């Protein structure tokens, strides 16, 4: 076995010690079991083929643009009309 040190926030340490005590386990054993679970969930199994994720191919939806390409920049920089409700929060500058 390998010895290591970790740092935990106080609240997490108290909770983990409580769980270990309730299950009559050492903190080390509870930590090993927790790490074994994380490894089983997040790491691919040996020998498995993982494919590199790529963007899906684009789909032509047809139709004509609503605005000419030369007008995009101007429209994108216009302020939003007052009657249009904004969604989300604006960033403060």
PDB file of N, CA and C in Angstrom:
ATOM      1  N   UNK A   1       0.843  -1.198   0.000  1.00  0.00           N
ATOM      2  CA  UNK A   1       0.000   0.000   0.000  1.00  0.00           C
ATOM      3  C   UNK A   1       0.873   1.241   0.000  1.00  0.00           C
ATOM      4  N   UNK A   2       0.301   2.301  -0.527  1.00  0.00           N
ATOM      5  CA  UNK A   2       0.973   3.597  -0.563  1.00  0.00           C
ATOM      6  C   UNK A   2       0.371   4.472   0.521  1.00  0.00           C
ATOM      7  N   UNK A   3       1.225   5.183   1.226  1.00  0.00           N
ATOM      8  CA  UNK A   3       0.759   6.146   2.226  1.00  0.00           C
ATOM      9  C   UNK A   3       0.650   7.508   1.587  1.00  0.00           C
ATOM     10  N   UNK A   4      -0.397   8.242   1.909  1.00  0.00           N
ATOM     11  CA  UNK A   4      -0.549   9.586   1.363  1.00  0.00           C
ATOM     12  C   UNK A   4      -1.245  10.471   2.378  1.00  0.00           C
ATOM     13  N   UNK A   5      -1.213  11.755   2.129  1.00  0.00           N
ATOM     14  CA  UNK A   5      -1.904  12.717   2.985  1.00  0.00           C
ATOM     15  C   UNK A   5      -2.886  13.498   2.126  1.00  0.00           C
ATOM     16  N   UNK A   6      -4.020  13.843   2.718  1.00  0.00           N
ATOM     17  CA  UNK A   6      -4.989  14.695   2.039  1.00  0.00           C
ATOM     18  C   UNK A   6      -5.441  15.770   3.010  1.00  0.00           C
ATOM     19  N   UNK A   7      -5.921  16.847   2.466  1.00  0.00           N
ATOM     20  CA  UNK A   7      -6.475  17.922   3.288  1.00  0.00           C
ATOM     21  C   UNK A   7      -7.969  17.987   3.034  1.00  0.00           C
ATOM     22  N   UNK A   8      -8.729  18.052   4.118  1.00  0.00           N
ATOM     23  CA  UNK A   8     -10.186  18.101   4.027  1.00  0.00           C
ATOM     24  C   UNK A   8     -10.701  19.322   4.765  1.00  0.00           C
ATOM     25  N   UNK A   9     -11.773  19.916   4.273  1.00  0.00           N
ATOM     26  CA  UNK A   9     -12.420  20.972   5.060  1.00  0.00           C
ATOM     27  C   UNK A   9     -12.946  20.362   6.361  1.00  0.00           C
ATOM     28  N   UNK A  10     -12.967  21.148   7.406  1.00  0.00           N
ATOM     29  CA  UNK A  10     -13.384  20.666   8.736  1.00  0.00           C
ATOM     30  C   UNK A  10     -14.753  19.990   8.702  1.00  0.00           C
ATOM     31  N   UNK A  11     -15.724  20.604   8.028  1.00  0.00           N
ATOM     32  CA  UNK A  11     -17.081  20.044   8.023  1.00  0.00           C
ATOM     33  C   UNK A  11     -17.107  18.667   7.345  1.00  0.00           C
ATOM     34  N   UNK A  12     -16.337  18.503   6.281  1.00  0.00           N
ATOM     35  CA  UNK A  12     -16.288  17.221   5.585  1.00  0.00           C
ATOM     36  C   UNK A  12     -15.617  16.167   6.457  1.00  0.00           C
ATOM     37  N   UNK A  13     -14.536  16.534   7.124  1.00  0.00           N
ATOM     38  CA  UNK A  13     -13.832  15.608   8.018  1.00  0.00           C
ATOM     39  C   UNK A  13     -14.773  15.110   9.116  1.00  0.00           C
ATOM     40  N   UNK A  14     -15.525  16.026   9.727  1.00  0.00           N
ATOM     41  CA  UNK A  14     -16.459  15.626  10.796  1.00  0.00           C
ATOM     42  C   UNK A  14     -17.512  14.653  10.278  1.00  0.00           C
ATOM     43  N   UNK A  15     -18.065  14.936   9.089  1.00  0.00           N
ATOM     44  CA  UNK A  15     -19.088  14.060   8.519  1.00  0.00           C
ATOM     45  C   UNK A  15     -18.528  12.676   8.199  1.00  0.00           C
ATOM     46  N   UNK A  16     -17.335  12.629   7.624  1.00  0.00           N
ATOM     47  CA  UNK A  16     -16.724  11.358   7.256  1.00  0.00           C
ATOM     48  C   UNK A  16     -16.391  10.548   8.510  1.00  0.00           C
ATOM     49  N   UNK A  17     -15.864  11.198   9.531  1.00  0.00           N
ATOM     50  CA  UNK A  17     -15.565  10.497  10.792  1.00  0.00           C
ATOM     51  C   UNK A  17     -16.848   9.921  11.396  1.00  0.00           C
ATOM     52  N   UNK A  18     -17.931  10.661  11.323  1.00  0.00           N
ATOM     53  CA  UNK A  18     -19.218  10.209  11.850  1.00  0.00           C
ATOM     54  C   UNK A  18     -19.692   8.965  11.089  1.00  0.00           C
ATOM     55  N   UNK A  19     -19.611   8.998   9.757  1.00  0.00           N
ATOM     56  CA  UNK A  19     -20.025   7.856   8.932  1.00  0.00           C
ATOM     57  C   UNK A  19     -19.157   6.642   9.237  1.00  0.00           C
ATOM     58  N   UNK A  20     -17.847   6.857   9.331  1.00  0.00           N
ATOM     59  CA  UNK A  20     -16.934   5.749   9.626  1.00  0.00           C
ATOM     60  C   UNK A  20     -17.267   5.126  10.979  1.00  0.00           C
ATOM     61  N   UNK A  21     -17.530   5.941  11.967  1.00  0.00           N
ATOM     62  CA  UNK A  21     -17.861   5.454  13.312  1.00  0.00           C
ATOM     63  C   UNK A  21     -19.168   4.664  13.302  1.00  0.00           C
ATOM     64  N   UNK A  22     -20.182   5.182  12.623  1.00  0.00           N
ATOM     65  CA  UNK A  22     -21.473   4.506  12.561  1.00  0.00           C
ATOM     66  C   UNK A  22     -21.370   3.135  11.899  1.00  0.00           C
ATOM     67  N   UNK A  23     -20.456   2.980  10.961  1.00  0.00           N
ATOM     68  CA  UNK A  23     -20.297   1.713  10.234  1.00  0.00           C
ATOM     69  C   UNK A  23     -19.141   0.874  10.762  1.00  0.00           C
ATOM     70  N   UNK A  24     -18.557   1.347  11.866  1.00  0.00           N
ATOM     71  CA  UNK A  24     -17.438   0.652  12.506  1.00  0.00           C
ATOM     72  C   UNK A  24     -16.294   0.397  11.524  1.00  0.00           C
ATOM     73  N   UNK A  25     -15.944   1.444  10.785  1.00  0.00           N
ATOM     74  CA  UNK A  25     -14.832   1.408   9.839  1.00  0.00           C
ATOM     75  C   UNK A  25     -13.818   2.466  10.243  1.00  0.00           C
ATOM     76  N   UNK A  26     -12.581   2.249   9.841  1.00  0.00           N
ATOM     77  CA  UNK A  26     -11.584   3.293  10.045  1.00  0.00           C
ATOM     78  C   UNK A  26     -11.782   4.354   8.964  1.00  0.00           C
ATOM     79  N   UNK A  27     -11.245   5.530   9.220  1.00  0.00           N
ATOM     80  CA  UNK A  27     -11.305   6.589   8.228  1.00  0.00           C
ATOM     81  C   UNK A  27     -10.571   6.152   6.958  1.00  0.00           C
ATOM     82  N   UNK A  28      -9.462   5.446   7.136  1.00  0.00           N
ATOM     83  CA  UNK A  28      -8.689   4.966   5.980  1.00  0.00           C
ATOM     84  C   UNK A  28      -9.510   3.994   5.131  1.00  0.00           C
ATOM     85  N   UNK A  29     -10.204   3.057   5.778  1.00  0.00           N
ATOM     86  CA  UNK A  29     -11.003   2.074   5.033  1.00  0.00           C
ATOM     87  C   UNK A  29     -12.164   2.747   4.311  1.00  0.00           C
ATOM     88  N   UNK A  30     -12.821   3.674   4.972  1.00  0.00           N
ATOM     89  CA  UNK A  30     -13.921   4.394   4.337  1.00  0.00           C
ATOM     90  C   UNK A  30     -13.411   5.187   3.133  1.00  0.00           C
ATOM     91  N   UNK A  31     -12.252   5.801   3.274  1.00  0.00           N
ATOM     92  CA  UNK A  31     -11.658   6.561   2.176  1.00  0.00           C
ATOM     93  C   UNK A  31     -11.316   5.640   1.009  1.00  0.00           C
ATOM     94  N   UNK A  32     -10.705   4.483   1.285  1.00  0.00           N
ATOM     95  CA  UNK A  32     -10.389   3.529   0.218  1.00  0.00           C
ATOM     96  C   UNK A  32     -11.644   3.092  -0.520  1.00  0.00           C
ATOM     97  N   UNK A  33     -12.695   2.783   0.227  1.00  0.00           N
ATOM     98  CA  UNK A  33     -13.944   2.354  -0.405  1.00  0.00           C
ATOM     99  C   UNK A  33     -14.548   3.469  -1.258  1.00  0.00           C
ATOM    100  N   UNK A  34     -14.480   4.679  -0.757  1.00  0.00           N
ATOM    101  CA  UNK A  34     -14.997   5.810  -1.522  1.00  0.00           C
ATOM    102  C   UNK A  34     -14.216   6.023  -2.803  1.00  0.00           C
ATOM    103  N   UNK A  35     -12.897   5.914  -2.724  1.00  0.00           N
ATOM    104  CA  UNK A  35     -12.068   6.093  -3.916  1.00  0.00           C
ATOM    105  C   UNK A  35     -12.264   4.951  -4.903  1.00  0.00           C
ATOM    106  N   UNK A  36     -12.452   3.723  -4.414  1.00  0.00           N
ATOM    107  CA  UNK A  36     -12.733   2.602  -5.313  1.00  0.00           C
ATOM    108  C   UNK A  36     -14.033   2.833  -6.073  1.00  0.00           C
ATOM    109  N   UNK A  37     -15.023   3.386  -5.391  1.00  0.00           N
ATOM    110  CA  UNK A  37     -16.292   3.687  -6.051  1.00  0.00           C
ATOM    111  C   UNK A  37     -16.098   4.751  -7.141  1.00  0.00           C
ATOM    112  N   UNK A  38     -15.390   5.822  -6.813  1.00  0.00           N
ATOM    113  CA  UNK A  38     -15.162   6.897  -7.780  1.00  0.00           C
ATOM    114  C   UNK A  38     -14.442   6.361  -9.003  1.00  0.00           C
ATOM    115  N   UNK A  39     -13.423   5.522  -8.799  1.00  0.00           N
ATOM    116  CA  UNK A  39     -12.680   4.950  -9.927  1.00  0.00           C
ATOM    117  C   UNK A  39     -13.604   4.090 -10.784  1.00  0.00           C
ATOM    118  N   UNK A  40     -14.477   3.325 -10.161  1.00  0.00           N
ATOM    119  CA  UNK A  40     -15.375   2.459 -10.938  1.00  0.00           C
ATOM    120  C   UNK A  40     -16.376   3.261 -11.760  1.00  0.00           C
ATOM    121  N   UNK A  41     -16.709   4.442 -11.309  1.00  0.00           N
ATOM    122  CA  UNK A  41     -17.697   5.265 -12.001  1.00  0.00           C
ATOM    123  C   UNK A  41     -17.064   6.129 -13.089  1.00  0.00           C
ATOM    124  N   UNK A  42     -15.888   6.682 -12.836  1.00  0.00           N
ATOM    125  CA  UNK A  42     -15.337   7.684 -13.740  1.00  0.00           C
ATOM    126  C   UNK A  42     -14.289   7.195 -14.720  1.00  0.00           C
ATOM    127  N   UNK A  43     -13.543   6.189 -14.410  1.00  0.00           N
ATOM    128  CA  UNK A  43     -12.483   5.749 -15.311  1.00  0.00           C
ATOM    129  C   UNK A  43     -12.971   4.652 -16.237  1.00  0.00           C
ATOM    130  N   UNK A  44     -12.541   4.683 -17.507  1.00  0.00           N
ATOM    131  CA  UNK A  44     -12.939   3.607 -18.413  1.00  0.00           C
ATOM    132  C   UNK A  44     -12.267   2.302 -18.007  1.00  0.00           C
ATOM    133  N   UNK A  45     -12.933   1.200 -18.247  1.00  0.00           N
ATOM    134  CA  UNK A  45     -12.378  -0.110 -17.942  1.00  0.00           C
ATOM    135  C   UNK A  45     -11.197  -0.399 -18.855  1.00  0.00           C
ATOM    136  N   UNK A  46     -10.241  -1.189 -18.372  1.00  0.00           N
ATOM    137  CA  UNK A  46      -9.091  -1.546 -19.202  1.00  0.00           C
ATOM    138  C   UNK A  46      -9.560  -2.304 -20.433  1.00  0.00           C
ATOM    139  N   UNK A  47      -8.955  -1.991 -21.561  1.00  0.00           N
ATOM    140  CA  UNK A  47      -9.300  -2.679 -22.789  1.00  0.00           C
ATOM    141  C   UNK A  47     -10.501  -2.108 -23.509  1.00  0.00           C
ATOM    142  N   UNK A  48     -11.234  -1.204 -22.849  1.00  0.00           N
ATOM    143  CA  UNK A  48     -12.402  -0.640 -23.531  1.00  0.00           C
ATOM    144  C   UNK A  48     -11.933   0.428 -24.512  1.00  0.00           C
ATOM    145  N   UNK A  49     -12.646   0.514 -25.604  1.00  0.00           N
ATOM    146  CA  UNK A  49     -12.289   1.503 -26.615  1.00  0.00           C
ATOM    147  C   UNK A  49     -13.135   2.740 -26.395  1.00  0.00           C
ATOM    148  N   UNK A  50     -12.470   3.830 -26.077  1.00  0.00           N
ATOM    149  CA  UNK A  50     -13.201   5.084 -25.908  1.00  0.00           C
ATOM    150  C   UNK A  50     -12.983   5.922 -27.155  1.00  0.00           C
ATOM    151  N   UNK A  51     -14.061   6.378 -27.727  1.00  0.00           N
ATOM    152  CA  UNK A  51     -13.981   7.196 -28.924  1.00  0.00           C
ATOM    153  C   UNK A  51     -13.812   8.653 -28.534  1.00  0.00           C
ATOM    154  N   UNK A  52     -13.000   9.353 -29.297  1.00  0.00           N
ATOM    155  CA  UNK A  52     -12.837  10.771 -29.085  1.00  0.00           C
ATOM    156  C   UNK A  52     -14.126  11.470 -29.506  1.00  0.00           C
ATOM    157  N   UNK A  53     -14.650  12.332 -28.636  1.00  0.00           N
ATOM    158  CA  UNK A  53     -15.892  13.036 -28.936  1.00  0.00           C
ATOM    159  C   UNK A  53     -15.633  14.097 -29.982  1.00  0.00           C
ATOM    160  N   UNK A  54     -16.546  14.199 -30.927  1.00  0.00           N
ATOM    161  CA  UNK A  54     -16.461  15.213 -31.970  1.00  0.00           C
ATOM    162  C   UNK A  54     -17.828  15.849 -32.153  1.00  0.00           C
ATOM    163  N   UNK A  55     -17.827  17.070 -32.656  1.00  0.00           N
ATOM    164  CA  UNK A  55     -19.090  17.735 -32.959  1.00  0.00           C
ATOM    165  C   UNK A  55     -19.842  16.948 -34.023  1.00  0.00           C
ATOM    166  N   UNK A  56     -21.145  16.865 -33.921  1.00  0.00           N
ATOM    167  CA  UNK A  56     -21.898  16.201 -34.989  1.00  0.00           C
ATOM    168  C   UNK A  56     -21.822  17.031 -36.261  1.00  0.00           C
ATOM    169  N   UNK A  57     -22.017  16.376 -37.382  1.00  0.00           N
ATOM    170  CA  UNK A  57     -21.999  17.092 -38.656  1.00  0.00           C
ATOM    171  C   UNK A  57     -23.181  18.051 -38.732  1.00  0.00           C
ATOM    172  N   UNK A  58     -22.975  19.152 -39.434  1.00  0.00           N
ATOM    173  CA  UNK A  58     -24.046  20.136 -39.558  1.00  0.00           C
ATOM    174  C   UNK A  58     -25.141  19.611 -40.476  1.00  0.00           C
ATOM    175  N   UNK A  59     -26.336  20.125 -40.279  1.00  0.00           N
ATOM    176  CA  UNK A  59     -27.489  19.722 -41.073  1.00  0.00           C
ATOM    177  C   UNK A  59     -27.994  20.952 -41.810  1.00  0.00           C
ATOM    178  N   UNK A  60     -28.213  20.825 -43.092  1.00  0.00           N
ATOM    179  CA  UNK A  60     -28.755  21.934 -43.876  1.00  0.00           C
ATOM    180  C   UNK A  60     -30.256  21.982 -43.648  1.00  0.00           C
ATOM    181  N   UNK A  61     -30.715  23.039 -43.008  1.00  0.00           N
ATOM    182  CA  UNK A  61     -32.138  23.180 -42.706  1.00  0.00           C
ATOM    183  C   UNK A  61     -32.900  23.863 -43.837  1.00  0.00           C
ATOM    184  N   UNK A  62     -32.180  24.246 -44.866  1.00  0.00           N
ATOM    185  CA  UNK A  62     -32.827  24.889 -46.008  1.00  0.00           C
ATOM    186  C   UNK A  62     -33.257  26.298 -45.686  1.00  0.00           C
ATOM    187  N   UNK A  63     -33.984  26.886 -46.579  1.00  0.00           N
ATOM    188  CA  UNK A  63     -34.480  28.241 -46.365  1.00  0.00           C
ATOM    189  C   UNK A  63     -33.426  29.282 -46.668  1.00  0.00           C
ATOM    190  N   UNK A  64     -33.867  30.517 -46.711  1.00  0.00           N
ATOM    191  CA  UNK A  64     -32.971  31.637 -47.000  1.00  0.00           C
ATOM    192  C   UNK A  64     -32.739  32.425 -45.718  1.00  0.00           C
ATOM    193  N   UNK A  65     -31.575  33.071 -45.587  1.00  0.00           N
ATOM    194  CA  UNK A  65     -31.317  33.895 -44.401  1.00  0.00           C
ATOM    195  C   UNK A  65     -32.352  35.015 -44.290  1.00  0.00           C
ATOM    196  N   UNK A  66     -32.703  35.381 -43.071  1.00  0.00           N
ATOM    197  CA  UNK A  66     -33.669  36.455 -42.857  1.00  0.00           C
ATOM    198  C   UNK A  66     -33.031  37.822 -43.033  1.00  0.00           C
ATOM    199  N   UNK A  67     -31.711  37.890 -42.878  1.00  0.00           N
ATOM    200  CA  UNK A  67     -30.990  39.150 -42.945  1.00  0.00           C
ATOM    201  C   UNK A  67     -29.784  38.957 -43.858  1.00  0.00           C
ATOM    202  N   UNK A  68     -29.464  39.962 -44.627  1.00  0.00           N
ATOM    203  CA  UNK A  68     -28.284  39.850 -45.493  1.00  0.00           C
ATOM    204  C   UNK A  68     -27.029  39.794 -44.627  1.00  0.00           C
ATOM    205  N   UNK A  69     -26.021  39.147 -45.127  1.00  0.00           N
ATOM    206  CA  UNK A  69     -24.780  38.968 -44.371  1.00  0.00           C
ATOM    207  C   UNK A  69     -24.161  40.317 -43.992  1.00  0.00           C
ATOM    208  N   UNK A  70     -24.300  41.320 -44.857  1.00  0.00           N
ATOM    209  CA  UNK A  70     -23.711  42.639 -44.569  1.00  0.00           C
ATOM    210  C   UNK A  70     -24.426  43.347 -43.414  1.00  0.00           C
ATOM    211  N   UNK A  71     -25.686  42.966 -43.115  1.00  0.00           N
ATOM    212  CA  UNK A  71     -26.438  43.617 -42.036  1.00  0.00           C
ATOM    213  C   UNK A  71     -26.268  42.936 -40.679  1.00  0.00           C
ATOM    214  N   UNK A  72     -25.664  41.775 -40.621  1.00  0.00           N
ATOM    215  CA  UNK A  72     -25.534  41.037 -39.356  1.00  0.00           C
ATOM    216  C   UNK A  72     -24.831  41.852 -38.285  1.00  0.00           C
ATOM    217  N   UNK A  73     -23.672  42.420 -38.623  1.00  0.00           N
ATOM    218  CA  UNK A  73     -22.890  43.154 -37.628  1.00  0.00           C
ATOM    219  C   UNK A  73     -23.687  44.323 -37.059  1.00  0.00           C
ATOM    220  N   UNK A  74     -24.322  45.075 -37.920  1.00  0.00           N
ATOM    221  CA  UNK A  74     -25.096  46.225 -37.468  1.00  0.00           C
ATOM    222  C   UNK A  74     -26.226  45.788 -36.536  1.00  0.00           C
ATOM    223  N   UNK A  75     -26.958  44.759 -36.918  1.00  0.00           N
ATOM    224  CA  UNK A  75     -28.076  44.288 -36.096  1.00  0.00           C
ATOM    225  C   UNK A  75     -27.590  43.688 -34.774  1.00  0.00           C
ATOM    226  N   UNK A  76     -26.474  43.029 -34.793  1.00  0.00           N
ATOM    227  CA  UNK A  76     -25.947  42.419 -33.575  1.00  0.00           C
ATOM    228  C   UNK A  76     -25.527  43.466 -32.560  1.00  0.00           C
ATOM    229  N   UNK A  77     -25.147  44.645 -33.017  1.00  0.00           N
ATOM    230  CA  UNK A  77     -24.677  45.693 -32.118  1.00  0.00           C
ATOM    231  C   UNK A  77     -25.736  46.710 -31.744  1.00  0.00           C
ATOM    232  N   UNK A  78     -26.939  46.558 -32.266  1.00  0.00           N
ATOM    233  CA  UNK A  78     -28.023  47.465 -31.897  1.00  0.00           C
ATOM    234  C   UNK A  78     -28.451  47.175 -30.466  1.00  0.00           C
ATOM    235  N   UNK A  79     -28.907  48.211 -29.782  1.00  0.00           N
ATOM    236  CA  UNK A  79     -29.431  47.974 -28.434  1.00  0.00           C
ATOM    237  C   UNK A  79     -30.803  47.320 -28.554  1.00  0.00           C
ATOM    238  N   UNK A  80     -31.159  46.551 -27.536  1.00  0.00           N
ATOM    239  CA  UNK A  80     -32.420  45.832 -27.552  1.00  0.00           C
ATOM    240  C   UNK A  80     -33.571  46.798 -27.274  1.00  0.00           C
ATOM    241  N   UNK A  81     -34.654  46.711 -28.015  1.00  0.00           N
ATOM    242  CA  UNK A  81     -35.798  47.589 -27.773  1.00  0.00           C
ATOM    243  C   UNK A  81     -36.339  47.394 -26.353  1.00  0.00           C
ATOM    244  N   UNK A  82     -36.889  48.450 -25.791  1.00  0.00           N
ATOM    245  CA  UNK A  82     -37.382  48.424 -24.413  1.00  0.00           C
ATOM    246  C   UNK A  82     -38.514  47.425 -24.225  1.00  0.00           C
ATOM    247  N   UNK A  83     -39.312  47.169 -25.249  1.00  0.00           N
ATOM    248  CA  UNK A  83     -40.457  46.280 -25.105  1.00  0.00           C
ATOM    249  C   UNK A  83     -40.049  44.795 -25.086  1.00  0.00           C
ATOM    250  N   UNK A  84     -38.784  44.497 -25.401  1.00  0.00           N
ATOM    251  CA  UNK A  84     -38.327  43.110 -25.405  1.00  0.00           C
ATOM    252  C   UNK A  84     -37.819  42.764 -24.011  1.00  0.00           C
ATOM    253  N   UNK A  85     -38.395  41.737 -23.430  1.00  0.00           N
ATOM    254  CA  UNK A  85     -38.007  41.331 -22.088  1.00  0.00           C
ATOM    255  C   UNK A  85     -36.669  40.603 -22.155  1.00  0.00           C
ATOM    256  N   UNK A  86     -35.718  41.019 -21.325  1.00  0.00           N
ATOM    257  CA  UNK A  86     -34.413  40.367 -21.291  1.00  0.00           C
ATOM    258  C   UNK A  86     -34.494  39.129 -20.391  1.00  0.00           C
ATOM    259  N   UNK A  87     -33.814  38.086 -20.799  1.00  0.00           N
ATOM    260  CA  UNK A  87     -33.711  36.910 -19.953  1.00  0.00           C
ATOM    261  C   UNK A  87     -32.301  36.867 -19.409  1.00  0.00           C
ATOM    262  N   UNK A  88     -32.123  36.433 -18.184  1.00  0.00           N
ATOM    263  CA  UNK A  88     -30.794  36.393 -17.573  1.00  0.00           C
ATOM    264  C   UNK A  88     -30.437  37.741 -17.035  1.00  0.00           C
ATOM    265  N   UNK A  89     -29.260  37.813 -16.421  1.00  0.00           N
ATOM    266  CA  UNK A  89     -28.790  39.056 -15.807  1.00  0.00           C
ATOM    267  C   UNK A  89     -27.721  39.693 -16.673  1.00  0.00           C
ATOM    268  N   UNK A  90     -27.799  41.002 -16.774  1.00  0.00           N
ATOM    269  CA  UNK A  90     -26.786  41.734 -17.532  1.00  0.00           C
ATOM    270  C   UNK A  90     -25.538  41.861 -16.671  1.00  0.00           C
ATOM    271  N   UNK A  91     -24.378  41.822 -17.298  1.00  0.00           N
ATOM    272  CA  UNK A  91     -23.124  41.982 -16.567  1.00  0.00           C
ATOM    273  C   UNK A  91     -22.907  43.445 -16.256  1.00  0.00           C
ATOM    274  N   UNK A  92     -22.414  43.696 -15.036  1.00  0.00           N
ATOM    275  CA  UNK A  92     -22.078  45.071 -14.660  1.00  0.00           C
ATOM    276  C   UNK A  92     -20.697  45.393 -15.183  1.00  0.00           C
ATOM    277  N   UNK A  93     -20.542  46.584 -15.666  1.00  0.00           N
ATOM    278  CA  UNK A  93     -19.238  46.995 -16.189  1.00  0.00           C
ATOM    279  C   UNK A  93     -18.534  47.915 -15.246  1.00  0.00           C
TER     280      UNK A  93
END
